[in-house]
Amino acid sequence: MTQALRPTTGGSLFATDGKSHPLQDTLMVVTLALGLTAFITGFFGSLHLLASWAGLVGILTGAYGQWISETTRERFGLVLGLGASGIGFFLGMANGGLFGGLL
């Protein structure tokens, strides 16, 4: 009966180690927010500056977050944010790039 009292988080995708990781969690949330911004604005040609810059910063933030992440939950969120940032970045680059129309 002692097994009923212990939570089983070993097989969960969002398992944590029970410790607080404020830097990693912040990087994950920032990467997800930048990825979502880049992905959505990447579909609008006039917003290519926002899409490409948000995507680039999201890629860099996510890469650093992956480097220092400690749990599967952090890595899962970072991979989603990195994918969205990459797609948004490439769509922004295709529509005008980082400095398109400003030079």
C-alpha atoms as a PDB file:
ATOM      1  CA  MET A   1       0.000   0.000   0.000  1.00  0.00           C
ATOM      2  CA  THR A   2       2.914   2.369   0.325  1.00  0.00           C
ATOM      3  CA  GLN A   3       3.018   2.765  -3.444  1.00  0.00           C
ATOM      4  CA  ALA A   4      -0.371   4.499  -3.357  1.00  0.00           C
ATOM      5  CA  LEU A   5       1.063   7.315  -1.239  1.00  0.00           C
ATOM      6  CA  ARG A   6       3.970   8.132  -3.530  1.00  0.00           C
ATOM      7  CA  PRO A   7       3.376  10.059  -6.757  1.00  0.00           C
ATOM      8  CA  THR A   8       4.812   8.353  -9.808  1.00  0.00           C
ATOM      9  CA  THR A   9       6.430  10.986 -12.030  1.00  0.00           C
ATOM     10  CA  GLY A  10       9.145   8.790 -13.505  1.00  0.00           C
ATOM     11  CA  GLY A  11       7.342   8.037 -16.755  1.00  0.00           C
ATOM     12  CA  SER A  12       5.669  11.415 -17.244  1.00  0.00           C
ATOM     13  CA  LEU A  13       6.712  13.671 -20.115  1.00  0.00           C
ATOM     14  CA  PHE A  14       6.538  16.671 -17.816  1.00  0.00           C
ATOM     15  CA  ALA A  15       8.405  15.050 -14.934  1.00  0.00           C
ATOM     16  CA  THR A  16      10.528  17.364 -12.868  1.00  0.00           C
ATOM     17  CA  ASP A  17      13.188  16.692 -10.327  1.00  0.00           C
ATOM     18  CA  GLY A  18      11.252  18.523  -7.618  1.00  0.00           C
ATOM     19  CA  LYS A  19      13.629  21.490  -7.569  1.00  0.00           C
ATOM     20  CA  SER A  20      13.085  25.062  -8.656  1.00  0.00           C
ATOM     21  CA  HIS A  21      14.776  26.191 -11.899  1.00  0.00           C
ATOM     22  CA  PRO A  22      13.844  29.864 -12.312  1.00  0.00           C
ATOM     23  CA  LEU A  23      16.389  30.684 -15.039  1.00  0.00           C
ATOM     24  CA  GLN A  24      15.512  27.654 -17.138  1.00  0.00           C
ATOM     25  CA  ASP A  25      11.770  28.253 -16.716  1.00  0.00           C
ATOM     26  CA  THR A  26      12.181  31.908 -17.708  1.00  0.00           C
ATOM     27  CA  LEU A  27      14.162  30.967 -20.816  1.00  0.00           C
ATOM     28  CA  MET A  28      11.495  28.422 -21.745  1.00  0.00           C
ATOM     29  CA  VAL A  29       8.661  30.953 -21.417  1.00  0.00           C
ATOM     30  CA  VAL A  30      10.595  33.640 -23.331  1.00  0.00           C
ATOM     31  CA  THR A  31      11.448  31.176 -26.105  1.00  0.00           C
ATOM     32  CA  LEU A  32       7.820  30.069 -26.375  1.00  0.00           C
ATOM     33  CA  ALA A  33       6.587  33.685 -26.472  1.00  0.00           C
ATOM     34  CA  LEU A  34       9.138  34.726 -29.096  1.00  0.00           C
ATOM     35  CA  GLY A  35       8.434  31.598 -31.133  1.00  0.00           C
ATOM     36  CA  LEU A  36       4.701  32.220 -31.099  1.00  0.00           C
ATOM     37  CA  THR A  37       5.240  35.867 -32.063  1.00  0.00           C
ATOM     38  CA  ALA A  38       7.625  34.977 -34.884  1.00  0.00           C
ATOM     39  CA  PHE A  39       5.406  32.179 -36.168  1.00  0.00           C
ATOM     40  CA  ILE A  40       2.253  34.291 -36.304  1.00  0.00           C
ATOM     41  CA  THR A  41       3.864  37.435 -37.735  1.00  0.00           C
ATOM     42  CA  GLY A  42       5.826  35.380 -40.266  1.00  0.00           C
ATOM     43  CA  PHE A  43       2.647  34.872 -42.281  1.00  0.00           C
ATOM     44  CA  PHE A  44       2.227  38.611 -42.826  1.00  0.00           C
ATOM     45  CA  GLY A  45       4.706  40.033 -45.341  1.00  0.00           C
ATOM     46  CA  SER A  46       4.571  43.533 -43.898  1.00  0.00           C
ATOM     47  CA  LEU A  47       5.681  42.253 -40.476  1.00  0.00           C
ATOM     48  CA  HIS A  48       8.874  40.619 -41.728  1.00  0.00           C
ATOM     49  CA  LEU A  49      11.076  42.731 -39.444  1.00  0.00           C
ATOM     50  CA  LEU A  50       9.246  41.599 -36.323  1.00  0.00           C
ATOM     51  CA  ALA A  51       9.100  37.988 -37.492  1.00  0.00           C
ATOM     52  CA  SER A  52      12.764  37.741 -38.411  1.00  0.00           C
ATOM     53  CA  TRP A  53      14.081  39.480 -35.289  1.00  0.00           C
ATOM     54  CA  ALA A  54      11.743  37.651 -32.902  1.00  0.00           C
ATOM     55  CA  GLY A  55      12.694  34.377 -34.592  1.00  0.00           C
ATOM     56  CA  LEU A  56      16.414  35.082 -34.357  1.00  0.00           C
ATOM     57  CA  VAL A  57      16.266  36.064 -30.691  1.00  0.00           C
ATOM     58  CA  GLY A  58      14.004  33.075 -29.999  1.00  0.00           C
ATOM     59  CA  ILE A  59      16.486  30.722 -31.632  1.00  0.00           C
ATOM     60  CA  LEU A  60      19.386  32.127 -29.601  1.00  0.00           C
ATOM     61  CA  THR A  61      17.399  32.098 -26.358  1.00  0.00           C
ATOM     62  CA  GLY A  62      16.188  28.563 -26.981  1.00  0.00           C
ATOM     63  CA  ALA A  63      19.660  27.312 -27.828  1.00  0.00           C
ATOM     64  CA  TYR A  64      21.040  28.671 -24.567  1.00  0.00           C
ATOM     65  CA  GLY A  65      18.056  27.258 -22.707  1.00  0.00           C
ATOM     66  CA  GLN A  66      18.691  23.824 -24.209  1.00  0.00           C
ATOM     67  CA  TRP A  67      22.299  24.045 -23.146  1.00  0.00           C
ATOM     68  CA  ILE A  68      21.462  24.654 -19.481  1.00  0.00           C
ATOM     69  CA  SER A  69      18.121  22.793 -19.198  1.00  0.00           C
ATOM     70  CA  GLU A  70      17.837  20.102 -16.573  1.00  0.00           C
ATOM     71  CA  THR A  71      14.406  18.481 -16.978  1.00  0.00           C
ATOM     72  CA  THR A  72      12.339  16.977 -19.771  1.00  0.00           C
ATOM     73  CA  ARG A  73       9.592  19.553 -19.186  1.00  0.00           C
ATOM     74  CA  GLU A  74      12.020  22.395 -19.929  1.00  0.00           C
ATOM     75  CA  ARG A  75      13.404  20.694 -23.019  1.00  0.00           C
ATOM     76  CA  PHE A  76       9.914  19.964 -24.361  1.00  0.00           C
ATOM     77  CA  GLY A  77       8.881  23.623 -24.139  1.00  0.00           C
ATOM     78  CA  LEU A  78      12.183  24.785 -25.566  1.00  0.00           C
ATOM     79  CA  VAL A  79      11.921  22.497 -28.587  1.00  0.00           C
ATOM     80  CA  LEU A  80       8.415  23.786 -29.331  1.00  0.00           C
ATOM     81  CA  GLY A  81       9.614  27.382 -29.030  1.00  0.00           C
ATOM     82  CA  LEU A  82      12.701  26.696 -31.138  1.00  0.00           C
ATOM     83  CA  GLY A  83      10.616  25.148 -33.910  1.00  0.00           C
ATOM     84  CA  ALA A  84       8.183  28.046 -33.996  1.00  0.00           C
ATOM     85  CA  SER A  85      11.063  30.551 -33.855  1.00  0.00           C
ATOM     86  CA  GLY A  86      12.826  28.835 -36.727  1.00  0.00           C
ATOM     87  CA  ILE A  87       9.757  28.779 -38.934  1.00  0.00           C
ATOM     88  CA  GLY A  88       8.966  32.415 -38.123  1.00  0.00           C
ATOM     89  CA  PHE A  89      12.579  33.416 -38.731  1.00  0.00           C
ATOM     90  CA  PHE A  90      12.716  31.771 -42.142  1.00  0.00           C
ATOM     91  CA  LEU A  91       9.340  33.195 -43.168  1.00  0.00           C
ATOM     92  CA  GLY A  92      10.516  36.651 -42.101  1.00  0.00           C
ATOM     93  CA  MET A  93      13.752  36.241 -44.035  1.00  0.00           C
ATOM     94  CA  ALA A  94      11.822  35.153 -47.117  1.00  0.00           C
ATOM     95  CA  ASN A  95       9.592  38.222 -46.925  1.00  0.00           C
ATOM     96  CA  GLY A  96      12.335  40.816 -46.545  1.00  0.00           C
ATOM     97  CA  GLY A  97      14.828  39.839 -43.896  1.00  0.00           C
ATOM     98  CA  LEU A  98      16.283  41.509 -40.846  1.00  0.00           C
ATOM     99  CA  PHE A  99      16.875  44.894 -42.497  1.00  0.00           C
ATOM    100  CA  GLY A 100      14.675  44.678 -45.595  1.00  0.00           C
ATOM    101  CA  GLY A 101      13.447  48.088 -46.694  1.00  0.00           C
ATOM    102  CA  LEU A 102      15.376  50.004 -44.040  1.00  0.00           C
ATOM    103  CA  LEU A 103      18.712  50.441 -45.775  1.00  0.00           C
END
